[in-house]
Amino acid sequence: MAVTNNPLLSGAALFTDTDNAGTAVVVKASSAVLYELELDNTANACAASYFKAWNTGSVTVGTTVPDLVVMIPAATKITLVFPSGITFGTAMSFATTTAGGTTGSTGPTSDVVVRAVYV
């Protein structure tokens, strides 16, 4: 897994994870506002994946209830823009699994690339 955080203009940062999977990654360990997500599931040609985000830095994937779940169809890349932002008041953590909702902690078979713009 290759994870990077790059500063952007206006104090924003670009988070990139080239293999987001069933283990939660703490993107920011303090308050954050999420403005854009790019979720690339093109490597999983036959299966949907589920991107999950939590308002905490302490996540047990499959047990901790996610604050945001996005289904990414098989062989698809989607971009979501949140003009007003989504506030994560405590911390911001991400994972991607093969099951939606709270349950499911298995990462997708192939890499899911996650990019996020946040402050």
PDB file of N, CA and C in Angstrom:
ATOM      1  N   MET A   1       0.843  -1.159   0.000  1.00  0.00           N
ATOM      2  CA  MET A   1       0.000   0.000   0.000  1.00  0.00           C
ATOM      3  C   MET A   1       0.896   1.232   0.000  1.00  0.00           C
ATOM      4  N   ALA A   2       0.589   2.146  -0.904  1.00  0.00           N
ATOM      5  CA  ALA A   2       1.319   3.408  -0.938  1.00  0.00           C
ATOM      6  C   ALA A   2       0.363   4.524  -0.548  1.00  0.00           C
ATOM      7  N   VAL A   3       0.666   5.202   0.529  1.00  0.00           N
ATOM      8  CA  VAL A   3      -0.191   6.259   1.050  1.00  0.00           C
ATOM      9  C   VAL A   3       0.599   7.552   1.051  1.00  0.00           C
ATOM     10  N   THR A   4      -0.018   8.618   0.522  1.00  0.00           N
ATOM     11  CA  THR A   4       0.629   9.934   0.548  1.00  0.00           C
ATOM     12  C   THR A   4      -0.380  11.004   0.903  1.00  0.00           C
ATOM     13  N   ASN A   5       0.091  12.073   1.520  1.00  0.00           N
ATOM     14  CA  ASN A   5      -0.687  13.283   1.783  1.00  0.00           C
ATOM     15  C   ASN A   5       0.114  14.435   1.201  1.00  0.00           C
ATOM     16  N   ASN A   6      -0.452  15.143   0.220  1.00  0.00           N
ATOM     17  CA  ASN A   6       0.228  16.247  -0.439  1.00  0.00           C
ATOM     18  C   ASN A   6      -0.507  17.547  -0.170  1.00  0.00           C
ATOM     19  N   PRO A   7       0.174  18.599   0.298  1.00  0.00           N
ATOM     20  CA  PRO A   7      -0.489  19.872   0.523  1.00  0.00           C
ATOM     21  C   PRO A   7      -0.920  20.506  -0.798  1.00  0.00           C
ATOM     22  N   LEU A   8      -2.095  21.129  -0.808  1.00  0.00           N
ATOM     23  CA  LEU A   8      -2.615  21.839  -1.967  1.00  0.00           C
ATOM     24  C   LEU A   8      -2.786  23.309  -1.608  1.00  0.00           C
ATOM     25  N   LEU A   9      -3.237  24.111  -2.541  1.00  0.00           N
ATOM     26  CA  LEU A   9      -3.505  25.520  -2.264  1.00  0.00           C
ATOM     27  C   LEU A   9      -4.591  25.670  -1.213  1.00  0.00           C
ATOM     28  N   SER A  10      -4.636  26.779  -0.548  1.00  0.00           N
ATOM     29  CA  SER A  10      -5.663  27.123   0.432  1.00  0.00           C
ATOM     30  C   SER A  10      -5.698  26.185   1.626  1.00  0.00           C
ATOM     31  N   GLY A  11      -4.593  25.536   1.943  1.00  0.00           N
ATOM     32  CA  GLY A  11      -4.532  24.675   3.114  1.00  0.00           C
ATOM     33  C   GLY A  11      -5.111  23.290   2.912  1.00  0.00           C
ATOM     34  N   ALA A  12      -5.625  22.997   1.720  1.00  0.00           N
ATOM     35  CA  ALA A  12      -6.180  21.674   1.450  1.00  0.00           C
ATOM     36  C   ALA A  12      -5.051  20.673   1.209  1.00  0.00           C
ATOM     37  N   ALA A  13      -5.367  19.395   1.370  1.00  0.00           N
ATOM     38  CA  ALA A  13      -4.397  18.328   1.130  1.00  0.00           C
ATOM     39  C   ALA A  13      -5.048  17.266   0.254  1.00  0.00           C
ATOM     40  N   LEU A  14      -4.212  16.568  -0.501  1.00  0.00           N
ATOM     41  CA  LEU A  14      -4.662  15.452  -1.326  1.00  0.00           C
ATOM     42  C   LEU A  14      -4.124  14.168  -0.712  1.00  0.00           C
ATOM     43  N   PHE A  15      -5.028  13.299  -0.285  1.00  0.00           N
ATOM     44  CA  PHE A  15      -4.682  11.983   0.244  1.00  0.00           C
ATOM     45  C   PHE A  15      -4.795  10.988  -0.903  1.00  0.00           C
ATOM     46  N   THR A  16      -3.810  10.120  -1.058  1.00  0.00           N
ATOM     47  CA  THR A  16      -3.853   9.068  -2.075  1.00  0.00           C
ATOM     48  C   THR A  16      -3.444   7.752  -1.439  1.00  0.00           C
ATOM     49  N   ASP A  17      -4.281   6.731  -1.641  1.00  0.00           N
ATOM     50  CA  ASP A  17      -3.971   5.375  -1.205  1.00  0.00           C
ATOM     51  C   ASP A  17      -4.182   4.474  -2.410  1.00  0.00           C
ATOM     52  N   THR A  18      -3.128   3.857  -2.918  1.00  0.00           N
ATOM     53  CA  THR A  18      -3.214   3.056  -4.134  1.00  0.00           C
ATOM     54  C   THR A  18      -3.682   1.619  -3.891  1.00  0.00           C
ATOM     55  N   ASP A  19      -3.919   1.258  -2.631  1.00  0.00           N
ATOM     56  CA  ASP A  19      -4.425  -0.079  -2.306  1.00  0.00           C
ATOM     57  C   ASP A  19      -5.246  -0.008  -1.027  1.00  0.00           C
ATOM     58  N   ASN A  20      -6.321   0.761  -1.070  1.00  0.00           N
ATOM     59  CA  ASN A  20      -7.177   0.896   0.100  1.00  0.00           C
ATOM     60  C   ASN A  20      -7.933  -0.417   0.282  1.00  0.00           C
ATOM     61  N   ALA A  21      -7.858  -0.998   1.466  1.00  0.00           N
ATOM     62  CA  ALA A  21      -8.424  -2.331   1.676  1.00  0.00           C
ATOM     63  C   ALA A  21      -9.136  -2.423   3.022  1.00  0.00           C
ATOM     64  N   GLY A  22      -9.221  -3.631   3.571  1.00  0.00           N
ATOM     65  CA  GLY A  22     -10.004  -3.909   4.751  1.00  0.00           C
ATOM     66  C   GLY A  22      -9.429  -3.440   6.070  1.00  0.00           C
ATOM     67  N   THR A  23      -8.284  -2.800   6.063  1.00  0.00           N
ATOM     68  CA  THR A  23      -7.699  -2.226   7.277  1.00  0.00           C
ATOM     69  C   THR A  23      -7.842  -0.716   7.198  1.00  0.00           C
ATOM     70  N   ALA A  24      -8.399  -0.116   8.240  1.00  0.00           N
ATOM     71  CA  ALA A  24      -8.629   1.331   8.231  1.00  0.00           C
ATOM     72  C   ALA A  24      -7.322   2.110   8.241  1.00  0.00           C
ATOM     73  N   VAL A  25      -7.291   3.189   7.459  1.00  0.00           N
ATOM     74  CA  VAL A  25      -6.163   4.107   7.390  1.00  0.00           C
ATOM     75  C   VAL A  25      -6.619   5.436   7.981  1.00  0.00           C
ATOM     76  N   VAL A  26      -5.876   5.944   8.955  1.00  0.00           N
ATOM     77  CA  VAL A  26      -6.192   7.256   9.523  1.00  0.00           C
ATOM     78  C   VAL A  26      -5.638   8.308   8.569  1.00  0.00           C
ATOM     79  N   VAL A  27      -6.531   9.037   7.925  1.00  0.00           N
ATOM     80  CA  VAL A  27      -6.139  10.068   6.967  1.00  0.00           C
ATOM     81  C   VAL A  27      -5.684  11.314   7.714  1.00  0.00           C
ATOM     82  N   LYS A  28      -6.451  11.686   8.726  1.00  0.00           N
ATOM     83  CA  LYS A  28      -6.095  12.830   9.569  1.00  0.00           C
ATOM     84  C   LYS A  28      -6.539  12.502  10.987  1.00  0.00           C
ATOM     85  N   ALA A  29      -5.649  12.675  11.940  1.00  0.00           N
ATOM     86  CA  ALA A  29      -5.914  12.286  13.330  1.00  0.00           C
ATOM     87  C   ALA A  29      -6.589  13.398  14.130  1.00  0.00           C
ATOM     88  N   SER A  30      -7.051  14.435  13.450  1.00  0.00           N
ATOM     89  CA  SER A  30      -7.789  15.514  14.105  1.00  0.00           C
ATOM     90  C   SER A  30      -8.927  15.919  13.174  1.00  0.00           C
ATOM     91  N   SER A  31      -9.670  16.938  13.564  1.00  0.00           N
ATOM     92  CA  SER A  31     -10.819  17.393  12.780  1.00  0.00           C
ATOM     93  C   SER A  31     -10.453  17.636  11.319  1.00  0.00           C
ATOM     94  N   ALA A  32     -11.347  17.233  10.405  1.00  0.00           N
ATOM     95  CA  ALA A  32     -11.109  17.394   8.969  1.00  0.00           C
ATOM     96  C   ALA A  32     -12.434  17.672   8.268  1.00  0.00           C
ATOM     97  N   VAL A  33     -12.335  18.316   7.103  1.00  0.00           N
ATOM     98  CA  VAL A  33     -13.502  18.524   6.248  1.00  0.00           C
ATOM     99  C   VAL A  33     -13.164  17.922   4.886  1.00  0.00           C
ATOM    100  N   LEU A  34     -13.979  16.968   4.452  1.00  0.00           N
ATOM    101  CA  LEU A  34     -13.787  16.260   3.191  1.00  0.00           C
ATOM    102  C   LEU A  34     -14.546  16.977   2.084  1.00  0.00           C
ATOM    103  N   TYR A  35     -13.846  17.304   0.969  1.00  0.00           N
ATOM    104  CA  TYR A  35     -14.461  18.020  -0.146  1.00  0.00           C
ATOM    105  C   TYR A  35     -14.614  17.187  -1.414  1.00  0.00           C
ATOM    106  N   GLU A  36     -13.759  16.207  -1.619  1.00  0.00           N
ATOM    107  CA  GLU A  36     -13.855  15.415  -2.844  1.00  0.00           C
ATOM    108  C   GLU A  36     -13.278  14.025  -2.626  1.00  0.00           C
ATOM    109  N   LEU A  37     -13.926  13.040  -3.255  1.00  0.00           N
ATOM    110  CA  LEU A  37     -13.449  11.656  -3.251  1.00  0.00           C
ATOM    111  C   LEU A  37     -13.381  11.151  -4.678  1.00  0.00           C
ATOM    112  N   GLU A  38     -12.292  10.490  -5.017  1.00  0.00           N
ATOM    113  CA  GLU A  38     -12.194   9.754  -6.267  1.00  0.00           C
ATOM    114  C   GLU A  38     -11.947   8.305  -5.873  1.00  0.00           C
ATOM    115  N   LEU A  39     -12.856   7.422  -6.279  1.00  0.00           N
ATOM    116  CA  LEU A  39     -12.812   6.017  -5.890  1.00  0.00           C
ATOM    117  C   LEU A  39     -12.686   5.177  -7.154  1.00  0.00           C
ATOM    118  N   ASP A  40     -11.552   4.484  -7.309  1.00  0.00           N
ATOM    119  CA  ASP A  40     -11.243   3.750  -8.527  1.00  0.00           C
ATOM    120  C   ASP A  40     -11.263   2.248  -8.261  1.00  0.00           C
ATOM    121  N   ASN A  41     -12.320   1.593  -8.743  1.00  0.00           N
ATOM    122  CA  ASN A  41     -12.502   0.152  -8.574  1.00  0.00           C
ATOM    123  C   ASN A  41     -12.347  -0.577  -9.912  1.00  0.00           C
ATOM    124  N   THR A  42     -11.644   0.041 -10.871  1.00  0.00           N
ATOM    125  CA  THR A  42     -11.528  -0.557 -12.209  1.00  0.00           C
ATOM    126  C   THR A  42     -10.758  -1.871 -12.205  1.00  0.00           C
ATOM    127  N   ALA A  43      -9.921  -2.106 -11.229  1.00  0.00           N
ATOM    128  CA  ALA A  43      -9.154  -3.357 -11.170  1.00  0.00           C
ATOM    129  C   ALA A  43     -10.012  -4.544 -10.730  1.00  0.00           C
ATOM    130  N   ASN A  44     -11.178  -4.274 -10.164  1.00  0.00           N
ATOM    131  CA  ASN A  44     -12.099  -5.337  -9.738  1.00  0.00           C
ATOM    132  C   ASN A  44     -13.214  -5.442 -10.769  1.00  0.00           C
ATOM    133  N   ALA A  45     -12.960  -6.184 -11.833  1.00  0.00           N
ATOM    134  CA  ALA A  45     -13.855  -6.229 -12.984  1.00  0.00           C
ATOM    135  C   ALA A  45     -15.190  -6.921 -12.708  1.00  0.00           C
ATOM    136  N   CYS A  46     -15.257  -7.767 -11.698  1.00  0.00           N
ATOM    137  CA  CYS A  46     -16.468  -8.559 -11.474  1.00  0.00           C
ATOM    138  C   CYS A  46     -17.159  -8.299 -10.138  1.00  0.00           C
ATOM    139  N   ALA A  47     -16.632  -7.385  -9.328  1.00  0.00           N
ATOM    140  CA  ALA A  47     -17.213  -7.226  -7.998  1.00  0.00           C
ATOM    141  C   ALA A  47     -17.252  -5.767  -7.565  1.00  0.00           C
ATOM    142  N   ALA A  48     -18.371  -5.395  -6.964  1.00  0.00           N
ATOM    143  CA  ALA A  48     -18.478  -4.069  -6.350  1.00  0.00           C
ATOM    144  C   ALA A  48     -17.611  -4.033  -5.094  1.00  0.00           C
ATOM    145  N   SER A  49     -17.185  -2.842  -4.724  1.00  0.00           N
ATOM    146  CA  SER A  49     -16.464  -2.628  -3.474  1.00  0.00           C
ATOM    147  C   SER A  49     -17.198  -1.550  -2.700  1.00  0.00           C
ATOM    148  N   TYR A  50     -16.931  -1.472  -1.395  1.00  0.00           N
ATOM    149  CA  TYR A  50     -17.614  -0.517  -0.536  1.00  0.00           C
ATOM    150  C   TYR A  50     -16.596   0.319   0.217  1.00  0.00           C
ATOM    151  N   PHE A  51     -16.543   1.602  -0.128  1.00  0.00           N
ATOM    152  CA  PHE A  51     -15.680   2.554   0.559  1.00  0.00           C
ATOM    153  C   PHE A  51     -16.396   2.974   1.839  1.00  0.00           C
ATOM    154  N   LYS A  52     -15.649   3.009   2.953  1.00  0.00           N
ATOM    155  CA  LYS A  52     -16.221   3.393   4.242  1.00  0.00           C
ATOM    156  C   LYS A  52     -15.355   4.466   4.888  1.00  0.00           C
ATOM    157  N   ALA A  53     -16.003   5.421   5.553  1.00  0.00           N
ATOM    158  CA  ALA A  53     -15.283   6.486   6.252  1.00  0.00           C
ATOM    159  C   ALA A  53     -15.839   6.597   7.671  1.00  0.00           C
ATOM    160  N   TRP A  54     -14.943   6.900   8.595  1.00  0.00           N
ATOM    161  CA  TRP A  54     -15.303   7.014  10.007  1.00  0.00           C
ATOM    162  C   TRP A  54     -14.824   8.339  10.582  1.00  0.00           C
ATOM    163  N   ASN A  55     -15.589   8.843  11.550  1.00  0.00           N
ATOM    164  CA  ASN A  55     -15.248  10.058  12.292  1.00  0.00           C
ATOM    165  C   ASN A  55     -14.505   9.669  13.576  1.00  0.00           C
ATOM    166  N   THR A  56     -13.469   8.878  13.412  1.00  0.00           N
ATOM    167  CA  THR A  56     -12.644   8.451  14.538  1.00  0.00           C
ATOM    168  C   THR A  56     -11.315   7.922  13.998  1.00  0.00           C
ATOM    169  N   GLY A  57     -10.316   7.943  14.824  1.00  0.00           N
ATOM    170  CA  GLY A  57      -9.031   7.372  14.453  1.00  0.00           C
ATOM    171  C   GLY A  57      -8.873   5.959  14.982  1.00  0.00           C
ATOM    172  N   SER A  58      -9.869   5.494  15.724  1.00  0.00           N
ATOM    173  CA  SER A  58      -9.831   4.157  16.318  1.00  0.00           C
ATOM    174  C   SER A  58     -10.946   3.315  15.707  1.00  0.00           C
ATOM    175  N   VAL A  59     -10.624   2.570  14.658  1.00  0.00           N
ATOM    176  CA  VAL A  59     -11.620   1.816  13.895  1.00  0.00           C
ATOM    177  C   VAL A  59     -11.303   0.331  13.937  1.00  0.00           C
ATOM    178  N   THR A  60     -12.312  -0.462  14.202  1.00  0.00           N
ATOM    179  CA  THR A  60     -12.243  -1.900  13.988  1.00  0.00           C
ATOM    180  C   THR A  60     -13.177  -2.180  12.822  1.00  0.00           C
ATOM    181  N   VAL A  61     -12.592  -2.397  11.628  1.00  0.00           N
ATOM    182  CA  VAL A  61     -13.393  -2.620  10.426  1.00  0.00           C
ATOM    183  C   VAL A  61     -14.216  -3.890  10.621  1.00  0.00           C
ATOM    184  N   GLY A  62     -15.499  -3.796  10.343  1.00  0.00           N
ATOM    185  CA  GLY A  62     -16.424  -4.915  10.536  1.00  0.00           C
ATOM    186  C   GLY A  62     -17.203  -4.803  11.825  1.00  0.00           C
ATOM    187  N   THR A  63     -16.763  -3.914  12.731  1.00  0.00           N
ATOM    188  CA  THR A  63     -17.444  -3.717  14.018  1.00  0.00           C
ATOM    189  C   THR A  63     -17.856  -2.263  14.214  1.00  0.00           C
ATOM    190  N   THR A  64     -16.933  -1.327  13.980  1.00  0.00           N
ATOM    191  CA  THR A  64     -17.219   0.099  14.156  1.00  0.00           C
ATOM    192  C   THR A  64     -18.167   0.559  13.048  1.00  0.00           C
ATOM    193  N   VAL A  65     -19.269   1.204  13.439  1.00  0.00           N
ATOM    194  CA  VAL A  65     -20.271   1.673  12.473  1.00  0.00           C
ATOM    195  C   VAL A  65     -19.689   2.824  11.646  1.00  0.00           C
ATOM    196  N   PRO A  66     -19.651   2.698  10.305  1.00  0.00           N
ATOM    197  CA  PRO A  66     -19.107   3.771   9.476  1.00  0.00           C
ATOM    198  C   PRO A  66     -20.062   4.969   9.431  1.00  0.00           C
ATOM    199  N   ASP A  67     -19.484   6.154   9.245  1.00  0.00           N
ATOM    200  CA  ASP A  67     -20.277   7.373   9.113  1.00  0.00           C
ATOM    201  C   ASP A  67     -20.651   7.638   7.661  1.00  0.00           C
ATOM    202  N   LEU A  68     -19.954   7.001   6.742  1.00  0.00           N
ATOM    203  CA  LEU A  68     -20.216   7.163   5.310  1.00  0.00           C
ATOM    204  C   LEU A  68     -19.873   5.854   4.616  1.00  0.00           C
ATOM    205  N   VAL A  69     -20.777   5.368   3.755  1.00  0.00           N
ATOM    206  CA  VAL A  69     -20.524   4.173   2.946  1.00  0.00           C
ATOM    207  C   VAL A  69     -20.899   4.510   1.506  1.00  0.00           C
ATOM    208  N   VAL A  70     -19.982   4.214   0.576  1.00  0.00           N
ATOM    209  CA  VAL A  70     -20.233   4.440  -0.849  1.00  0.00           C
ATOM    210  C   VAL A  70     -19.968   3.141  -1.587  1.00  0.00           C
ATOM    211  N   MET A  71     -20.976   2.647  -2.319  1.00  0.00           N
ATOM    212  CA  MET A  71     -20.802   1.459  -3.145  1.00  0.00           C
ATOM    213  C   MET A  71     -20.139   1.887  -4.457  1.00  0.00           C
ATOM    214  N   ILE A  72     -19.051   1.192  -4.813  1.00  0.00           N
ATOM    215  CA  ILE A  72     -18.331   1.459  -6.058  1.00  0.00           C
ATOM    216  C   ILE A  72     -18.590   0.262  -6.973  1.00  0.00           C
ATOM    217  N   PRO A  73     -19.353   0.447  -8.042  1.00  0.00           N
ATOM    218  CA  PRO A  73     -19.643  -0.686  -8.924  1.00  0.00           C
ATOM    219  C   PRO A  73     -18.364  -1.305  -9.492  1.00  0.00           C
ATOM    220  N   ALA A  74     -18.464  -2.569  -9.895  1.00  0.00           N
ATOM    221  CA  ALA A  74     -17.337  -3.274 -10.511  1.00  0.00           C
ATOM    222  C   ALA A  74     -16.839  -2.505 -11.730  1.00  0.00           C
ATOM    223  N   ALA A  75     -15.526  -2.508 -11.921  1.00  0.00           N
ATOM    224  CA  ALA A  75     -14.878  -1.927 -13.102  1.00  0.00           C
ATOM    225  C   ALA A  75     -15.228  -0.454 -13.323  1.00  0.00           C
ATOM    226  N   THR A  76     -15.381   0.289 -12.214  1.00  0.00           N
ATOM    227  CA  THR A  76     -15.832   1.679 -12.301  1.00  0.00           C
ATOM    228  C   THR A  76     -14.954   2.596 -11.471  1.00  0.00           C
ATOM    229  N   LYS A  77     -14.822   3.830 -11.954  1.00  0.00           N
ATOM    230  CA  LYS A  77     -14.192   4.894 -11.172  1.00  0.00           C
ATOM    231  C   LYS A  77     -15.231   5.997 -11.022  1.00  0.00           C
ATOM    232  N   ILE A  78     -15.435   6.446  -9.777  1.00  0.00           N
ATOM    233  CA  ILE A  78     -16.410   7.507  -9.542  1.00  0.00           C
ATOM    234  C   ILE A  78     -15.749   8.661  -8.785  1.00  0.00           C
ATOM    235  N   THR A  79     -16.282   9.846  -9.023  1.00  0.00           N
ATOM    236  CA  THR A  79     -15.825  11.037  -8.311  1.00  0.00           C
ATOM    237  C   THR A  79     -17.023  11.671  -7.625  1.00  0.00           C
ATOM    238  N   LEU A  80     -16.876  11.946  -6.354  1.00  0.00           N
ATOM    239  CA  LEU A  80     -17.917  12.607  -5.568  1.00  0.00           C
ATOM    240  C   LEU A  80     -17.371  13.937  -5.078  1.00  0.00           C
ATOM    241  N   VAL A  81     -18.137  15.010  -5.296  1.00  0.00           N
ATOM    242  CA  VAL A  81     -17.737  16.335  -4.853  1.00  0.00           C
ATOM    243  C   VAL A  81     -18.750  16.810  -3.814  1.00  0.00           C
ATOM    244  N   PHE A  82     -18.237  17.319  -2.700  1.00  0.00           N
ATOM    245  CA  PHE A  82     -19.071  17.829  -1.613  1.00  0.00           C
ATOM    246  C   PHE A  82     -18.774  19.325  -1.465  1.00  0.00           C
ATOM    247  N   PRO A  83     -19.490  20.202  -2.194  1.00  0.00           N
ATOM    248  CA  PRO A  83     -19.161  21.632  -2.206  1.00  0.00           C
ATOM    249  C   PRO A  83     -19.106  22.277  -0.826  1.00  0.00           C
ATOM    250  N   SER A  84     -19.962  21.864   0.079  1.00  0.00           N
ATOM    251  CA  SER A  84     -19.954  22.417   1.440  1.00  0.00           C
ATOM    252  C   SER A  84     -19.082  21.607   2.382  1.00  0.00           C
ATOM    253  N   GLY A  85     -18.589  20.470   1.916  1.00  0.00           N
ATOM    254  CA  GLY A  85     -17.732  19.614   2.725  1.00  0.00           C
ATOM    255  C   GLY A  85     -18.512  18.733   3.683  1.00  0.00           C
ATOM    256  N   ILE A  86     -17.898  17.636   4.074  1.00  0.00           N
ATOM    257  CA  ILE A  86     -18.419  16.745   5.115  1.00  0.00           C
ATOM    258  C   ILE A  86     -17.439  16.844   6.274  1.00  0.00           C
ATOM    259  N   THR A  87     -17.934  17.254   7.430  1.00  0.00           N
ATOM    260  CA  THR A  87     -17.067  17.464   8.584  1.00  0.00           C
ATOM    261  C   THR A  87     -16.895  16.187   9.390  1.00  0.00           C
ATOM    262  N   PHE A  88     -15.647  15.876   9.674  1.00  0.00           N
ATOM    263  CA  PHE A  88     -15.270  14.790  10.575  1.00  0.00           C
ATOM    264  C   PHE A  88     -14.655  15.495  11.784  1.00  0.00           C
ATOM    265  N   GLY A  89     -15.403  15.620  12.859  1.00  0.00           N
ATOM    266  CA  GLY A  89     -15.003  16.446  13.995  1.00  0.00           C
ATOM    267  C   GLY A  89     -13.885  15.879  14.855  1.00  0.00           C
ATOM    268  N   THR A  90     -13.683  14.568  14.834  1.00  0.00           N
ATOM    269  CA  THR A  90     -12.689  13.926  15.689  1.00  0.00           C
ATOM    270  C   THR A  90     -11.444  13.520  14.915  1.00  0.00           C
ATOM    271  N   ALA A  91     -11.641  12.774  13.832  1.00  0.00           N
ATOM    272  CA  ALA A  91     -10.564  12.275  12.969  1.00  0.00           C
ATOM    273  C   ALA A  91     -11.225  11.761  11.704  1.00  0.00           C
ATOM    274  N   MET A  92     -10.436  11.398  10.708  1.00  0.00           N
ATOM    275  CA  MET A  92     -10.997  10.877   9.464  1.00  0.00           C
ATOM    276  C   MET A  92     -10.226   9.623   9.061  1.00  0.00           C
ATOM    277  N   SER A  93     -10.951   8.491   8.982  1.00  0.00           N
ATOM    278  CA  SER A  93     -10.350   7.202   8.634  1.00  0.00           C
ATOM    279  C   SER A  93     -11.111   6.582   7.474  1.00  0.00           C
ATOM    280  N   PHE A  94     -10.383   5.841   6.612  1.00  0.00           N
ATOM    281  CA  PHE A  94     -10.970   5.205   5.431  1.00  0.00           C
ATOM    282  C   PHE A  94     -10.598   3.730   5.365  1.00  0.00           C
ATOM    283  N   ALA A  95     -11.489   2.922   4.775  1.00  0.00           N
ATOM    284  CA  ALA A  95     -11.205   1.531   4.405  1.00  0.00           C
ATOM    285  C   ALA A  95     -12.133   1.161   3.257  1.00  0.00           C
ATOM    286  N   THR A  96     -11.805   0.102   2.529  1.00  0.00           N
ATOM    287  CA  THR A  96     -12.659  -0.411   1.459  1.00  0.00           C
ATOM    288  C   THR A  96     -12.804  -1.909   1.650  1.00  0.00           C
ATOM    289  N   THR A  97     -14.054  -2.391   1.573  1.00  0.00           N
ATOM    290  CA  THR A  97     -14.337  -3.811   1.802  1.00  0.00           C
ATOM    291  C   THR A  97     -15.214  -4.371   0.697  1.00  0.00           C
ATOM    292  N   THR A  98     -15.485  -5.665   0.799  1.00  0.00           N
ATOM    293  CA  THR A  98     -16.341  -6.336  -0.179  1.00  0.00           C
ATOM    294  C   THR A  98     -17.802  -6.375   0.263  1.00  0.00           C
ATOM    295  N   ALA A  99     -18.120  -5.835   1.442  1.00  0.00           N
ATOM    296  CA  ALA A  99     -19.494  -5.820   1.946  1.00  0.00           C
ATOM    297  C   ALA A  99     -19.841  -4.431   2.452  1.00  0.00           C
ATOM    298  N   GLY A 100     -21.075  -4.026   2.233  1.00  0.00           N
ATOM    299  CA  GLY A 100     -21.533  -2.715   2.685  1.00  0.00           C
ATOM    300  C   GLY A 100     -21.941  -2.739   4.146  1.00  0.00           C
ATOM    301  N   GLY A 101     -22.414  -1.611   4.646  1.00  0.00           N
ATOM    302  CA  GLY A 101     -22.856  -1.515   6.026  1.00  0.00           C
ATOM    303  C   GLY A 101     -21.714  -1.637   7.008  1.00  0.00           C
ATOM    304  N   THR A 102     -22.041  -2.028   8.227  1.00  0.00           N
ATOM    305  CA  THR A 102     -21.039  -2.155   9.274  1.00  0.00           C
ATOM    306  C   THR A 102     -20.221  -3.426   9.124  1.00  0.00           C
ATOM    307  N   THR A 103     -20.904  -4.527   8.801  1.00  0.00           N
ATOM    308  CA  THR A 103     -20.206  -5.812   8.728  1.00  0.00           C
ATOM    309  C   THR A 103     -19.307  -5.882   7.503  1.00  0.00           C
ATOM    310  N   GLY A 104     -18.438  -6.792   7.514  1.00  0.00           N
ATOM    311  CA  GLY A 104     -17.515  -6.979   6.399  1.00  0.00           C
ATOM    312  C   GLY A 104     -16.199  -6.283   6.663  1.00  0.00           C
ATOM    313  N   SER A 105     -15.153  -7.064   6.667  1.00  0.00           N
ATOM    314  CA  SER A 105     -13.822  -6.498   6.880  1.00  0.00           C
ATOM    315  C   SER A 105     -12.830  -7.008   5.845  1.00  0.00           C
ATOM    316  N   THR A 106     -13.317  -7.761   4.865  1.00  0.00           N
ATOM    317  CA  THR A 106     -12.448  -8.309   3.833  1.00  0.00           C
ATOM    318  C   THR A 106     -12.199  -7.267   2.756  1.00  0.00           C
ATOM    319  N   GLY A 107     -10.942  -7.050   2.447  1.00  0.00           N
ATOM    320  CA  GLY A 107     -10.586  -6.114   1.392  1.00  0.00           C
ATOM    321  C   GLY A 107     -10.865  -6.711   0.026  1.00  0.00           C
ATOM    322  N   PRO A 108     -11.076  -5.862  -0.985  1.00  0.00           N
ATOM    323  CA  PRO A 108     -11.306  -6.341  -2.345  1.00  0.00           C
ATOM    324  C   PRO A 108     -10.115  -7.155  -2.865  1.00  0.00           C
ATOM    325  N   THR A 109     -10.377  -8.028  -3.830  1.00  0.00           N
ATOM    326  CA  THR A 109      -9.346  -8.884  -4.402  1.00  0.00           C
ATOM    327  C   THR A 109      -8.230  -8.067  -5.044  1.00  0.00           C
ATOM    328  N   SER A 110      -8.602  -7.061  -5.829  1.00  0.00           N
ATOM    329  CA  SER A 110      -7.618  -6.203  -6.496  1.00  0.00           C
ATOM    330  C   SER A 110      -7.634  -4.825  -5.870  1.00  0.00           C
ATOM    331  N   ASP A 111      -6.614  -4.038  -6.199  1.00  0.00           N
ATOM    332  CA  ASP A 111      -6.442  -2.709  -5.601  1.00  0.00           C
ATOM    333  C   ASP A 111      -7.612  -1.775  -5.883  1.00  0.00           C
ATOM    334  N   VAL A 112      -8.029  -1.034  -4.868  1.00  0.00           N
ATOM    335  CA  VAL A 112      -8.948   0.088  -4.998  1.00  0.00           C
ATOM    336  C   VAL A 112      -8.148   1.333  -4.669  1.00  0.00           C
ATOM    337  N   VAL A 113      -8.156   2.295  -5.591  1.00  0.00           N
ATOM    338  CA  VAL A 113      -7.407   3.530  -5.391  1.00  0.00           C
ATOM    339  C   VAL A 113      -8.366   4.591  -4.850  1.00  0.00           C
ATOM    340  N   VAL A 114      -7.969   5.205  -3.734  1.00  0.00           N
ATOM    341  CA  VAL A 114      -8.774   6.257  -3.112  1.00  0.00           C
ATOM    342  C   VAL A 114      -7.964   7.549  -3.102  1.00  0.00           C
ATOM    343  N   ARG A 115      -8.581   8.613  -3.603  1.00  0.00           N
ATOM    344  CA  ARG A 115      -8.004   9.953  -3.519  1.00  0.00           C
ATOM    345  C   ARG A 115      -9.027  10.840  -2.849  1.00  0.00           C
ATOM    346  N   ALA A 116      -8.572  11.681  -1.919  1.00  0.00           N
ATOM    347  CA  ALA A 116      -9.471  12.559  -1.193  1.00  0.00           C
ATOM    348  C   ALA A 116      -8.840  13.935  -1.037  1.00  0.00           C
ATOM    349  N   VAL A 117      -9.646  14.967  -1.248  1.00  0.00           N
ATOM    350  CA  VAL A 117      -9.224  16.336  -1.000  1.00  0.00           C
ATOM    351  C   VAL A 117      -9.902  16.780   0.282  1.00  0.00           C
ATOM    352  N   TYR A 118      -9.108  17.259   1.234  1.00  0.00           N
ATOM    353  CA  TYR A 118      -9.642  17.636   2.536  1.00  0.00           C
ATOM    354  C   TYR A 118      -8.832  18.777   3.130  1.00  0.00           C
ATOM    355  N   VAL A 119      -9.418  19.374   4.137  1.00  0.00           N
ATOM    356  CA  VAL A 119      -8.732  20.420   4.927  1.00  0.00           C
ATOM    357  C   VAL A 119      -8.683  19.939   6.353  1.00  0.00           C
TER     358      VAL A 119
END
